[in-house]
Amino acid sequence: MDALKDHTIEFVALKDGVHQFHFELGTRFFNAASDELLDDGLVTADVELEKGPAMLVAQIHCHGTVHTTCDHCNGPLDQPVDGRQREVFHLNGRQRFDGMEDDVVGLDPDDHAIELTHYLYECVRLAMPTRRLHAQGQCDPEVEAALARHQHTDGTEQGDPRWAALRTLKQQR
């Protein structure tokens, strides 16, 4: 994703305080990600950057729609996303932190900009649900029919016989 420099904030020229940035994440952004789960999308990323003398705090809010596939029928799915993420950047990367090392990104004192592409992608990806499914009745009817034909329908539960023995012991109590 290094090819996308549209998401760079030159923080050196900014005065201390809160600054607002707005990014549109579209086809070019998602193509550069090379993620098989995200084909395309249109997501708006609003970044509130608070600059202090030694730290930058970025509050990222990503909202929009990504194009992915349904986990049930494998058909195309427009998945709404709405996620928030906080990133903290320390301007003296050599300094140690008390218990916060994993939450703080150390920047070299010579750095003059931060590249947010990775953090924006991470925000979108984490905003997606674990299971991506069409609404009830919206899956591909051919796939639904094929799945229905292959479901186990005789009413008996097949499984490991050791569990059956444990169920018998439980019922004896």
Foldseek 3Di string as FASTA:
>chain_A
DVVDQVQKDQCQPDDAAKDKDKDWAWQVLQVVVPDQFFRIWTKIKIWIWGDDPFKIKIKIWIWGWTWGAAPQQRHIDTFTFIFIDMAMETLPQVDDDDVCVVRYHYDHVPDRMDGCSVVVVVRRVVRTDPGHHDPPPPHDPVSVVVVVVPDDDPPDDDDDVVVVVVVVVVVVD
